[in-house]
Amino acid sequence: MNAAEQIAHPFEVVGAGDDKDWQGRRLLGVGASEAAMMLGLHPRHGEGGPAVLWAWKTGRQEPEPLDDLEFIQWGHVMEPVIVEQYSTRRYSGRRVEKTHDQLRSLVHGWALCTLDAWTWHPEHGRIPLEAKNVAGYQAERWVDGPPIEMWWQLQHQMLVTGTAMSSIAACVGGNALWWEDVPRDEGAQRTLIARGAAFWSCVREDHVPLHVPTLASVRALYPVGSESGAVQLTGDGWTAVDARLCEVKQQLRSLEEERASLEAKIKDAIGNHAAASLDDGVIYTHKTQRRAEVTTPACEFKVMRRKAPKGERQ
């Protein structure tokens, strides 16, 4: 028997995902879409994800403003269509019930999720249904099943709801619906329970969770205008980091110079022609394009510069 099944109703409804207080309630726990980020497994946030999420939950940084993004808006538009098509005979043929309830686990109080719908599995009864609108260029990530961040989202939903299965339906490229049932993984459940409790303890006690630093986590933890004083980084380890950074930057400069030289060679060979083809079938084009005017608003940001000690050759 899993942890959520030890009580008759393992979750409570705390609100709706489309009401004005939804974002505020998200600060009271970890949502299913944030599970992979909490574990440092989300591709967009990387291993610094736990620190970025911690900064969101503690109010140090505003969460990503996603609602105005076009692909998010299209996701909202497509969600009911995907749910409806999932229920047709062409696909699952199952009963569905649309919902936007925001749920909180009564066993693990930090665990939240907002469902798109419920569906009825022939063996497991009512289970969560997640609807995704997926761009065509992302199709390859779905060939072997839901991408890792989606898989952890489903596992988190099962942690909250206590179900043995969750289903996901994805409209890929606007012209294909892929769907799959994902079973509960008890190893994943144990990971979520342990890591989630530890993460939420960090939020409550206001200390940064363990993570691998990334540029995103650094921006989240040390915002613009917070700097003062100086710190001494002692030990040979930091000297090695500095030496390697200088080496990498020099390699990048050399590679950039080589890239520019090779591009210039090909462009010179093309001359005033619009295209050139190689013996192996490769085609290069060199055409005039117009770039629209872009105005960048004023902003503040941090810059790291290296000051060499006296006697070091530049």
C-alpha atoms as a PDB file:
ATOM      1  CA  MET A   1       0.000   0.000   0.000  1.00  0.00           C
ATOM      2  CA  ASN A   2       1.480   3.362  -0.992  1.00  0.00           C
ATOM      3  CA  ALA A   3       1.597   6.379   1.283  1.00  0.00           C
ATOM      4  CA  ALA A   4      -1.317   8.230  -0.305  1.00  0.00           C
ATOM      5  CA  GLU A   5      -3.616   5.198  -0.192  1.00  0.00           C
ATOM      6  CA  GLN A   6      -3.400   4.894   3.592  1.00  0.00           C
ATOM      7  CA  ILE A   7      -6.337   7.301   3.982  1.00  0.00           C
ATOM      8  CA  ALA A   8      -9.660   7.237   2.164  1.00  0.00           C
ATOM      9  CA  HIS A   9      -9.298  10.677   0.563  1.00  0.00           C
ATOM     10  CA  PRO A  10      -5.572  11.443   0.153  1.00  0.00           C
ATOM     11  CA  PHE A  11      -6.052  15.006  -1.099  1.00  0.00           C
ATOM     12  CA  GLU A  12      -8.166  18.092  -0.658  1.00  0.00           C
ATOM     13  CA  VAL A  13      -9.334  20.688  -3.168  1.00  0.00           C
ATOM     14  CA  VAL A  14      -7.810  24.045  -2.217  1.00  0.00           C
ATOM     15  CA  GLY A  15      -9.078  26.092  -5.166  1.00  0.00           C
ATOM     16  CA  ALA A  16      -9.305  26.274  -8.925  1.00  0.00           C
ATOM     17  CA  GLY A  17      -6.421  26.620 -11.340  1.00  0.00           C
ATOM     18  CA  ASP A  18      -8.170  29.439 -13.171  1.00  0.00           C
ATOM     19  CA  ASP A  19      -9.074  31.695 -10.224  1.00  0.00           C
ATOM     20  CA  LYS A  20      -7.224  34.848  -9.177  1.00  0.00           C
ATOM     21  CA  ASP A  21      -5.573  33.241  -6.124  1.00  0.00           C
ATOM     22  CA  TRP A  22      -4.063  30.254  -7.950  1.00  0.00           C
ATOM     23  CA  GLN A  23      -0.597  31.762  -8.342  1.00  0.00           C
ATOM     24  CA  GLY A  24      -0.548  32.782  -4.691  1.00  0.00           C
ATOM     25  CA  ARG A  25      -1.446  29.268  -3.565  1.00  0.00           C
ATOM     26  CA  ARG A  26       1.399  27.868  -5.665  1.00  0.00           C
ATOM     27  CA  LEU A  27       3.784  29.493  -3.181  1.00  0.00           C
ATOM     28  CA  LEU A  28       2.404  27.178  -0.493  1.00  0.00           C
ATOM     29  CA  GLY A  29       3.930  24.043  -1.988  1.00  0.00           C
ATOM     30  CA  VAL A  30       5.510  22.341  -5.001  1.00  0.00           C
ATOM     31  CA  GLY A  31       3.297  21.861  -8.052  1.00  0.00           C
ATOM     32  CA  ALA A  32       3.475  18.852 -10.368  1.00  0.00           C
ATOM     33  CA  SER A  33       4.973  20.910 -13.205  1.00  0.00           C
ATOM     34  CA  GLU A  34       7.741  21.964 -10.779  1.00  0.00           C
ATOM     35  CA  ALA A  35       8.685  18.435  -9.673  1.00  0.00           C
ATOM     36  CA  ALA A  36      11.484  17.918 -12.210  1.00  0.00           C
ATOM     37  CA  MET A  37      12.816  21.393 -11.452  1.00  0.00           C
ATOM     38  CA  MET A  38      12.890  20.584  -7.732  1.00  0.00           C
ATOM     39  CA  LEU A  39      14.910  17.450  -8.530  1.00  0.00           C
ATOM     40  CA  GLY A  40      17.356  19.303 -10.803  1.00  0.00           C
ATOM     41  CA  LEU A  41      16.141  17.270 -13.794  1.00  0.00           C
ATOM     42  CA  HIS A  42      14.248  19.851 -15.827  1.00  0.00           C
ATOM     43  CA  PRO A  43      16.062  20.449 -19.150  1.00  0.00           C
ATOM     44  CA  ARG A  44      15.338  24.177 -19.129  1.00  0.00           C
ATOM     45  CA  HIS A  45      16.597  24.795 -15.585  1.00  0.00           C
ATOM     46  CA  GLY A  46      19.269  22.117 -15.248  1.00  0.00           C
ATOM     47  CA  GLU A  47      20.945  21.175 -11.987  1.00  0.00           C
ATOM     48  CA  GLY A  48      20.472  24.677 -10.619  1.00  0.00           C
ATOM     49  CA  GLY A  49      16.689  24.191 -10.733  1.00  0.00           C
ATOM     50  CA  PRO A  50      16.262  23.546  -6.977  1.00  0.00           C
ATOM     51  CA  ALA A  51      17.853  26.893  -6.132  1.00  0.00           C
ATOM     52  CA  VAL A  52      15.776  28.797  -8.691  1.00  0.00           C
ATOM     53  CA  LEU A  53      12.570  27.153  -7.432  1.00  0.00           C
ATOM     54  CA  TRP A  54      13.592  27.923  -3.835  1.00  0.00           C
ATOM     55  CA  ALA A  55      14.062  31.592  -4.797  1.00  0.00           C
ATOM     56  CA  TRP A  56      10.542  31.605  -6.251  1.00  0.00           C
ATOM     57  CA  LYS A  57       8.965  29.994  -3.204  1.00  0.00           C
ATOM     58  CA  THR A  58      10.736  32.299  -0.755  1.00  0.00           C
ATOM     59  CA  GLY A  59       9.852  35.424  -2.736  1.00  0.00           C
ATOM     60  CA  ARG A  60      13.427  36.273  -3.682  1.00  0.00           C
ATOM     61  CA  GLN A  61      12.625  36.080  -7.378  1.00  0.00           C
ATOM     62  CA  GLU A  62       9.368  36.317  -9.298  1.00  0.00           C
ATOM     63  CA  PRO A  63       8.407  33.078 -11.089  1.00  0.00           C
ATOM     64  CA  GLU A  64       8.712  33.051 -14.853  1.00  0.00           C
ATOM     65  CA  PRO A  65       5.906  35.182 -16.377  1.00  0.00           C
ATOM     66  CA  LEU A  66       4.521  32.511 -18.682  1.00  0.00           C
ATOM     67  CA  ASP A  67       0.901  33.573 -19.165  1.00  0.00           C
ATOM     68  CA  ASP A  68       1.673  36.101 -21.910  1.00  0.00           C
ATOM     69  CA  LEU A  69       3.803  33.691 -23.954  1.00  0.00           C
ATOM     70  CA  GLU A  70       2.142  32.661 -27.203  1.00  0.00           C
ATOM     71  CA  PHE A  71       2.827  28.923 -26.832  1.00  0.00           C
ATOM     72  CA  ILE A  72       1.319  28.964 -23.316  1.00  0.00           C
ATOM     73  CA  GLN A  73      -1.800  30.736 -24.578  1.00  0.00           C
ATOM     74  CA  TRP A  74      -2.170  28.178 -27.369  1.00  0.00           C
ATOM     75  CA  GLY A  75      -1.793  25.439 -24.786  1.00  0.00           C
ATOM     76  CA  HIS A  76      -4.790  26.852 -22.916  1.00  0.00           C
ATOM     77  CA  VAL A  77      -6.798  27.058 -26.148  1.00  0.00           C
ATOM     78  CA  MET A  78      -5.921  23.511 -27.190  1.00  0.00           C
ATOM     79  CA  GLU A  79      -6.363  21.849 -23.789  1.00  0.00           C
ATOM     80  CA  PRO A  80     -10.141  21.198 -24.023  1.00  0.00           C
ATOM     81  CA  VAL A  81      -9.765  20.046 -27.626  1.00  0.00           C
ATOM     82  CA  ILE A  82      -7.054  17.553 -26.658  1.00  0.00           C
ATOM     83  CA  VAL A  83      -9.119  16.232 -23.735  1.00  0.00           C
ATOM     84  CA  GLU A  84     -12.181  15.842 -25.950  1.00  0.00           C
ATOM     85  CA  GLN A  85     -10.276  14.050 -28.724  1.00  0.00           C
ATOM     86  CA  TYR A  86      -8.557  11.762 -26.207  1.00  0.00           C
ATOM     87  CA  SER A  87     -12.000  10.474 -25.238  1.00  0.00           C
ATOM     88  CA  THR A  88     -13.024   9.543 -28.787  1.00  0.00           C
ATOM     89  CA  ARG A  89     -12.897   6.000 -30.164  1.00  0.00           C
ATOM     90  CA  ARG A  90     -10.000   6.932 -32.431  1.00  0.00           C
ATOM     91  CA  TYR A  91      -7.861   7.338 -29.319  1.00  0.00           C
ATOM     92  CA  SER A  92      -8.600   6.105 -25.776  1.00  0.00           C
ATOM     93  CA  GLY A  93     -12.402   5.924 -25.997  1.00  0.00           C
ATOM     94  CA  ARG A  94     -12.566   6.646 -22.267  1.00  0.00           C
ATOM     95  CA  ARG A  95     -14.855   8.803 -20.228  1.00  0.00           C
ATOM     96  CA  VAL A  96     -13.314  12.140 -19.268  1.00  0.00           C
ATOM     97  CA  GLU A  97     -14.242  14.891 -16.855  1.00  0.00           C
ATOM     98  CA  LYS A  98     -12.633  18.289 -17.299  1.00  0.00           C
ATOM     99  CA  THR A  99     -11.416  19.993 -14.146  1.00  0.00           C
ATOM    100  CA  HIS A 100      -9.106  22.771 -13.040  1.00  0.00           C
ATOM    101  CA  ASP A 101      -9.116  21.852  -9.374  1.00  0.00           C
ATOM    102  CA  GLN A 102      -5.957  22.670  -7.461  1.00  0.00           C
ATOM    103  CA  LEU A 103      -5.265  19.752  -5.131  1.00  0.00           C
ATOM    104  CA  ARG A 104      -3.101  19.417  -2.024  1.00  0.00           C
ATOM    105  CA  SER A 105      -1.935  16.128  -0.557  1.00  0.00           C
ATOM    106  CA  LEU A 106      -3.179  15.445   2.947  1.00  0.00           C
ATOM    107  CA  VAL A 107      -0.212  13.114   3.492  1.00  0.00           C
ATOM    108  CA  HIS A 108       2.510  15.372   2.112  1.00  0.00           C
ATOM    109  CA  GLY A 109       1.283  18.916   2.691  1.00  0.00           C
ATOM    110  CA  TRP A 110       3.874  20.521   0.422  1.00  0.00           C
ATOM    111  CA  ALA A 111       2.692  18.524  -2.636  1.00  0.00           C
ATOM    112  CA  LEU A 112       0.251  20.366  -4.929  1.00  0.00           C
ATOM    113  CA  CYS A 113      -1.104  19.723  -8.395  1.00  0.00           C
ATOM    114  CA  THR A 114      -3.641  21.260 -10.754  1.00  0.00           C
ATOM    115  CA  LEU A 115      -5.281  18.738 -13.070  1.00  0.00           C
ATOM    116  CA  ASP A 116      -6.486  19.268 -16.624  1.00  0.00           C
ATOM    117  CA  ALA A 117      -9.008  16.434 -16.396  1.00  0.00           C
ATOM    118  CA  TRP A 118      -9.882  13.067 -14.895  1.00  0.00           C
ATOM    119  CA  THR A 119     -10.294   9.970 -17.031  1.00  0.00           C
ATOM    120  CA  TRP A 120     -11.550   6.486 -16.212  1.00  0.00           C
ATOM    121  CA  HIS A 121      -9.067   3.631 -16.676  1.00  0.00           C
ATOM    122  CA  PRO A 122     -10.618   0.172 -17.256  1.00  0.00           C
ATOM    123  CA  GLU A 123      -8.617  -1.343 -14.385  1.00  0.00           C
ATOM    124  CA  HIS A 124      -7.662   1.528 -12.087  1.00  0.00           C
ATOM    125  CA  GLY A 125     -10.792   3.672 -12.256  1.00  0.00           C
ATOM    126  CA  ARG A 126     -10.479   7.460 -12.059  1.00  0.00           C
ATOM    127  CA  ILE A 127      -6.962   8.698 -12.831  1.00  0.00           C
ATOM    128  CA  PRO A 128      -5.444  12.092 -13.743  1.00  0.00           C
ATOM    129  CA  LEU A 129      -5.280  13.136 -17.402  1.00  0.00           C
ATOM    130  CA  GLU A 130      -2.672  15.660 -18.510  1.00  0.00           C
ATOM    131  CA  ALA A 131      -3.114  17.506 -21.843  1.00  0.00           C
ATOM    132  CA  LYS A 132      -0.124  18.966 -23.695  1.00  0.00           C
ATOM    133  CA  ASN A 133       0.150  21.024 -26.887  1.00  0.00           C
ATOM    134  CA  VAL A 134       3.558  20.168 -28.367  1.00  0.00           C
ATOM    135  CA  ALA A 135       5.372  22.042 -31.134  1.00  0.00           C
ATOM    136  CA  GLY A 136       6.485  20.004 -34.123  1.00  0.00           C
ATOM    137  CA  TYR A 137      10.175  20.597 -33.438  1.00  0.00           C
ATOM    138  CA  GLN A 138       9.711  18.909 -30.036  1.00  0.00           C
ATOM    139  CA  ALA A 139       8.243  15.717 -31.533  1.00  0.00           C
ATOM    140  CA  GLU A 140      11.485  13.748 -31.273  1.00  0.00           C
ATOM    141  CA  ARG A 141      11.457  14.149 -27.483  1.00  0.00           C
ATOM    142  CA  TRP A 142       8.136  12.264 -27.367  1.00  0.00           C
ATOM    143  CA  VAL A 143       9.081   9.268 -29.529  1.00  0.00           C
ATOM    144  CA  ASP A 144       9.861   7.015 -26.539  1.00  0.00           C
ATOM    145  CA  GLY A 145       7.130   8.382 -24.284  1.00  0.00           C
ATOM    146  CA  PRO A 146       6.701  11.591 -22.278  1.00  0.00           C
ATOM    147  CA  PRO A 147       9.906  13.636 -21.807  1.00  0.00           C
ATOM    148  CA  ILE A 148      11.520  13.425 -18.392  1.00  0.00           C
ATOM    149  CA  GLU A 149       9.976  16.607 -16.989  1.00  0.00           C
ATOM    150  CA  MET A 150       6.498  15.405 -18.051  1.00  0.00           C
ATOM    151  CA  TRP A 151       7.109  11.945 -16.564  1.00  0.00           C
ATOM    152  CA  TRP A 152       7.976  13.470 -13.200  1.00  0.00           C
ATOM    153  CA  GLN A 153       4.916  15.726 -13.461  1.00  0.00           C
ATOM    154  CA  LEU A 154       2.728  12.632 -13.791  1.00  0.00           C
ATOM    155  CA  GLN A 155       4.483  10.893 -10.900  1.00  0.00           C
ATOM    156  CA  HIS A 156       3.867  13.972  -8.750  1.00  0.00           C
ATOM    157  CA  GLN A 157       0.173  13.962  -9.709  1.00  0.00           C
ATOM    158  CA  MET A 158      -0.021  10.330  -8.608  1.00  0.00           C
ATOM    159  CA  LEU A 159       1.672  11.215  -5.322  1.00  0.00           C
ATOM    160  CA  VAL A 160      -1.043  13.792  -4.616  1.00  0.00           C
ATOM    161  CA  THR A 161      -4.033  11.795  -5.867  1.00  0.00           C
ATOM    162  CA  GLY A 162      -2.924   8.345  -4.677  1.00  0.00           C
ATOM    163  CA  THR A 163      -3.676   6.784  -8.066  1.00  0.00           C
ATOM    164  CA  ALA A 164      -1.774   3.861  -9.570  1.00  0.00           C
ATOM    165  CA  MET A 165      -1.800   5.326 -13.061  1.00  0.00           C
ATOM    166  CA  SER A 166      -1.857   8.655 -14.858  1.00  0.00           C
ATOM    167  CA  SER A 167      -2.576   9.341 -18.514  1.00  0.00           C
ATOM    168  CA  ILE A 168      -1.151  11.976 -20.830  1.00  0.00           C
ATOM    169  CA  ALA A 169      -2.318  13.163 -24.243  1.00  0.00           C
ATOM    170  CA  ALA A 170      -0.200  15.379 -26.477  1.00  0.00           C
ATOM    171  CA  CYS A 171      -1.197  17.126 -29.696  1.00  0.00           C
ATOM    172  CA  VAL A 172       2.112  17.063 -31.585  1.00  0.00           C
ATOM    173  CA  GLY A 173       2.740  19.510 -34.406  1.00  0.00           C
ATOM    174  CA  GLY A 174      -0.937  20.401 -34.591  1.00  0.00           C
ATOM    175  CA  ASN A 175      -1.911  17.278 -36.550  1.00  0.00           C
ATOM    176  CA  ALA A 176      -1.323  14.173 -34.399  1.00  0.00           C
ATOM    177  CA  LEU A 177      -2.513  13.079 -30.962  1.00  0.00           C
ATOM    178  CA  TRP A 178      -0.212  10.825 -28.951  1.00  0.00           C
ATOM    179  CA  TRP A 179      -1.422   9.387 -25.681  1.00  0.00           C
ATOM    180  CA  GLU A 180      -0.008   6.997 -23.103  1.00  0.00           C
ATOM    181  CA  ASP A 181      -0.788   5.612 -19.662  1.00  0.00           C
ATOM    182  CA  VAL A 182       2.107   6.016 -17.226  1.00  0.00           C
ATOM    183  CA  PRO A 183       2.134   3.671 -14.203  1.00  0.00           C
ATOM    184  CA  ARG A 184       3.064   4.722 -10.721  1.00  0.00           C
ATOM    185  CA  ASP A 185       6.754   4.125 -10.025  1.00  0.00           C
ATOM    186  CA  GLU A 186       7.301   3.470  -6.310  1.00  0.00           C
ATOM    187  CA  GLY A 187      11.001   4.313  -6.539  1.00  0.00           C
ATOM    188  CA  ALA A 188      10.079   7.679  -8.021  1.00  0.00           C
ATOM    189  CA  GLN A 189       7.457   8.151  -5.312  1.00  0.00           C
ATOM    190  CA  ARG A 190      10.048   7.590  -2.586  1.00  0.00           C
ATOM    191  CA  THR A 191      12.351  10.086  -4.288  1.00  0.00           C
ATOM    192  CA  LEU A 192       9.621  12.713  -4.484  1.00  0.00           C
ATOM    193  CA  ILE A 193       8.644  12.207  -0.856  1.00  0.00           C
ATOM    194  CA  ALA A 194      12.207  12.443   0.465  1.00  0.00           C
ATOM    195  CA  ARG A 195      13.435  15.223  -1.796  1.00  0.00           C
ATOM    196  CA  GLY A 196      10.183  17.146  -1.556  1.00  0.00           C
ATOM    197  CA  ALA A 197      10.197  17.106   2.247  1.00  0.00           C
ATOM    198  CA  ALA A 198      13.852  18.199   2.301  1.00  0.00           C
ATOM    199  CA  PHE A 199      13.218  20.966  -0.233  1.00  0.00           C
ATOM    200  CA  TRP A 200      10.210  22.311   1.638  1.00  0.00           C
ATOM    201  CA  SER A 201      12.198  22.255   4.866  1.00  0.00           C
ATOM    202  CA  CYS A 202      14.703  24.531   3.108  1.00  0.00           C
ATOM    203  CA  VAL A 203      11.858  26.878   2.150  1.00  0.00           C
ATOM    204  CA  ARG A 204      10.489  26.973   5.701  1.00  0.00           C
ATOM    205  CA  GLU A 205      13.917  27.406   7.301  1.00  0.00           C
ATOM    206  CA  ASP A 206      15.088  29.865   4.639  1.00  0.00           C
ATOM    207  CA  HIS A 207      18.293  28.151   3.585  1.00  0.00           C
ATOM    208  CA  VAL A 208      19.353  27.300   0.051  1.00  0.00           C
ATOM    209  CA  PRO A 209      18.895  23.653  -1.008  1.00  0.00           C
ATOM    210  CA  LEU A 210      21.814  21.635  -2.347  1.00  0.00           C
ATOM    211  CA  HIS A 211      22.290  22.239  -6.054  1.00  0.00           C
ATOM    212  CA  VAL A 212      24.899  22.547  -8.788  1.00  0.00           C
ATOM    213  CA  PRO A 213      25.402  26.257  -9.580  1.00  0.00           C
ATOM    214  CA  THR A 214      24.196  27.471 -12.969  1.00  0.00           C
ATOM    215  CA  LEU A 215      23.953  31.002 -14.336  1.00  0.00           C
ATOM    216  CA  ALA A 216      20.193  30.874 -13.712  1.00  0.00           C
ATOM    217  CA  SER A 217      20.637  29.835 -10.070  1.00  0.00           C
ATOM    218  CA  VAL A 218      23.254  32.543  -9.529  1.00  0.00           C
ATOM    219  CA  ARG A 219      20.866  35.190 -10.899  1.00  0.00           C
ATOM    220  CA  ALA A 220      18.087  33.890  -8.648  1.00  0.00           C
ATOM    221  CA  LEU A 221      20.172  33.752  -5.468  1.00  0.00           C
ATOM    222  CA  TYR A 222      22.164  36.953  -5.871  1.00  0.00           C
ATOM    223  CA  PRO A 223      19.926  39.592  -7.517  1.00  0.00           C
ATOM    224  CA  VAL A 224      21.075  42.870  -9.026  1.00  0.00           C
ATOM    225  CA  GLY A 225      22.012  45.471  -6.439  1.00  0.00           C
ATOM    226  CA  SER A 226      22.668  43.025  -3.609  1.00  0.00           C
ATOM    227  CA  GLU A 227      26.459  42.990  -3.899  1.00  0.00           C
ATOM    228  CA  SER A 228      28.844  44.502  -1.325  1.00  0.00           C
ATOM    229  CA  GLY A 229      32.312  43.897   0.088  1.00  0.00           C
ATOM    230  CA  ALA A 230      34.716  41.156  -1.035  1.00  0.00           C
ATOM    231  CA  VAL A 231      35.349  37.487  -0.254  1.00  0.00           C
ATOM    232  CA  GLN A 232      38.620  35.534  -0.265  1.00  0.00           C
ATOM    233  CA  LEU A 233      38.379  32.268  -2.246  1.00  0.00           C
ATOM    234  CA  THR A 234      41.165  30.202  -0.709  1.00  0.00           C
ATOM    235  CA  GLY A 235      42.700  26.917  -1.795  1.00  0.00           C
ATOM    236  CA  ASP A 236      44.232  25.485  -4.976  1.00  0.00           C
ATOM    237  CA  GLY A 237      40.799  24.439  -6.228  1.00  0.00           C
ATOM    238  CA  TRP A 238      39.825  28.016  -7.027  1.00  0.00           C
ATOM    239  CA  THR A 239      43.163  28.657  -8.733  1.00  0.00           C
ATOM    240  CA  ALA A 240      42.452  25.655 -10.953  1.00  0.00           C
ATOM    241  CA  VAL A 241      38.953  26.958 -11.735  1.00  0.00           C
ATOM    242  CA  ASP A 242      40.411  30.333 -12.703  1.00  0.00           C
ATOM    243  CA  ALA A 243      43.075  28.732 -14.894  1.00  0.00           C
ATOM    244  CA  ARG A 244      40.522  26.522 -16.645  1.00  0.00           C
ATOM    245  CA  LEU A 245      38.162  29.456 -17.225  1.00  0.00           C
ATOM    246  CA  CYS A 246      40.971  31.467 -18.844  1.00  0.00           C
ATOM    247  CA  GLU A 247      41.865  28.455 -20.980  1.00  0.00           C
ATOM    248  CA  VAL A 248      38.269  27.933 -22.143  1.00  0.00           C
ATOM    249  CA  LYS A 249      37.836  31.608 -22.985  1.00  0.00           C
ATOM    250  CA  GLN A 250      41.019  31.526 -25.071  1.00  0.00           C
ATOM    251  CA  GLN A 251      39.798  28.405 -26.877  1.00  0.00           C
ATOM    252  CA  LEU A 252      36.481  30.120 -27.613  1.00  0.00           C
ATOM    253  CA  ARG A 253      38.269  33.178 -28.989  1.00  0.00           C
ATOM    254  CA  SER A 254      40.424  30.969 -31.207  1.00  0.00           C
ATOM    255  CA  LEU A 255      37.396  29.013 -32.423  1.00  0.00           C
ATOM    256  CA  GLU A 256      35.482  32.227 -33.127  1.00  0.00           C
ATOM    257  CA  GLU A 257      38.402  33.550 -35.166  1.00  0.00           C
ATOM    258  CA  GLU A 258      38.573  30.279 -37.104  1.00  0.00           C
ATOM    259  CA  ARG A 259      34.809  30.301 -37.698  1.00  0.00           C
ATOM    260  CA  ALA A 260      34.941  33.877 -39.019  1.00  0.00           C
ATOM    261  CA  SER A 261      37.874  32.996 -41.301  1.00  0.00           C
ATOM    262  CA  LEU A 262      36.129  29.927 -42.751  1.00  0.00           C
ATOM    263  CA  GLU A 263      32.872  31.808 -43.296  1.00  0.00           C
ATOM    264  CA  ALA A 264      34.748  34.643 -45.028  1.00  0.00           C
ATOM    265  CA  LYS A 265      36.460  32.133 -47.318  1.00  0.00           C
ATOM    266  CA  ILE A 266      33.127  30.628 -48.414  1.00  0.00           C
ATOM    267  CA  LYS A 267      31.452  34.043 -48.790  1.00  0.00           C
ATOM    268  CA  ASP A 268      34.366  35.276 -50.898  1.00  0.00           C
ATOM    269  CA  ALA A 269      34.029  32.220 -53.170  1.00  0.00           C
ATOM    270  CA  ILE A 270      30.277  32.833 -53.561  1.00  0.00           C
ATOM    271  CA  GLY A 271      30.916  36.472 -54.429  1.00  0.00           C
ATOM    272  CA  ASN A 272      27.795  38.173 -55.819  1.00  0.00           C
ATOM    273  CA  HIS A 273      26.011  34.895 -56.431  1.00  0.00           C
ATOM    274  CA  ALA A 274      23.029  33.953 -54.251  1.00  0.00           C
ATOM    275  CA  ALA A 275      24.128  30.362 -53.655  1.00  0.00           C
ATOM    276  CA  ALA A 276      26.915  27.839 -54.106  1.00  0.00           C
ATOM    277  CA  SER A 277      26.875  24.037 -54.115  1.00  0.00           C
ATOM    278  CA  LEU A 278      29.635  21.630 -53.099  1.00  0.00           C
ATOM    279  CA  ASP A 279      30.572  18.293 -54.630  1.00  0.00           C
ATOM    280  CA  ASP A 280      28.910  16.395 -51.771  1.00  0.00           C
ATOM    281  CA  GLY A 281      25.551  18.121 -52.309  1.00  0.00           C
ATOM    282  CA  VAL A 282      25.863  20.753 -49.577  1.00  0.00           C
ATOM    283  CA  ILE A 283      24.394  24.130 -50.594  1.00  0.00           C
ATOM    284  CA  TYR A 284      25.339  27.496 -49.118  1.00  0.00           C
ATOM    285  CA  THR A 285      23.142  30.556 -49.708  1.00  0.00           C
ATOM    286  CA  HIS A 286      24.217  34.165 -49.211  1.00  0.00           C
ATOM    287  CA  LYS A 287      21.251  36.505 -49.593  1.00  0.00           C
ATOM    288  CA  THR A 288      20.292  39.968 -48.436  1.00  0.00           C
ATOM    289  CA  GLN A 289      17.926  40.033 -45.460  1.00  0.00           C
ATOM    290  CA  ARG A 290      16.284  42.897 -43.635  1.00  0.00           C
ATOM    291  CA  ARG A 291      16.353  43.089 -39.854  1.00  0.00           C
ATOM    292  CA  ALA A 292      13.558  44.959 -38.101  1.00  0.00           C
ATOM    293  CA  GLU A 293      14.518  47.698 -35.682  1.00  0.00           C
ATOM    294  CA  VAL A 294      14.640  46.468 -32.097  1.00  0.00           C
ATOM    295  CA  THR A 295      14.678  48.765 -29.081  1.00  0.00           C
ATOM    296  CA  THR A 296      16.143  47.208 -25.972  1.00  0.00           C
ATOM    297  CA  PRO A 297      14.706  48.684 -22.779  1.00  0.00           C
ATOM    298  CA  ALA A 298      17.113  49.916 -20.129  1.00  0.00           C
ATOM    299  CA  CYS A 299      17.969  47.314 -17.500  1.00  0.00           C
ATOM    300  CA  GLU A 300      20.470  46.473 -14.815  1.00  0.00           C
ATOM    301  CA  PHE A 301      22.548  43.310 -14.757  1.00  0.00           C
ATOM    302  CA  LYS A 302      25.669  41.978 -13.106  1.00  0.00           C
ATOM    303  CA  VAL A 303      28.978  41.612 -14.968  1.00  0.00           C
ATOM    304  CA  MET A 304      31.913  39.487 -13.771  1.00  0.00           C
ATOM    305  CA  ARG A 305      35.349  40.728 -14.804  1.00  0.00           C
ATOM    306  CA  ARG A 306      38.776  39.259 -14.077  1.00  0.00           C
ATOM    307  CA  LYS A 307      41.556  41.472 -12.760  1.00  0.00           C
ATOM    308  CA  ALA A 308      44.942  39.822 -13.177  1.00  0.00           C
ATOM    309  CA  PRO A 309      47.549  40.106 -10.417  1.00  0.00           C
ATOM    310  CA  LYS A 310      50.627  42.184 -11.033  1.00  0.00           C
ATOM    311  CA  GLY A 311      53.232  40.383 -13.076  1.00  0.00           C
ATOM    312  CA  GLU A 312      50.754  38.105 -14.908  1.00  0.00           C
ATOM    313  CA  ARG A 313      51.116  38.377 -18.659  1.00  0.00           C
ATOM    314  CA  GLN A 314      47.912  39.300 -20.466  1.00  0.00           C
END
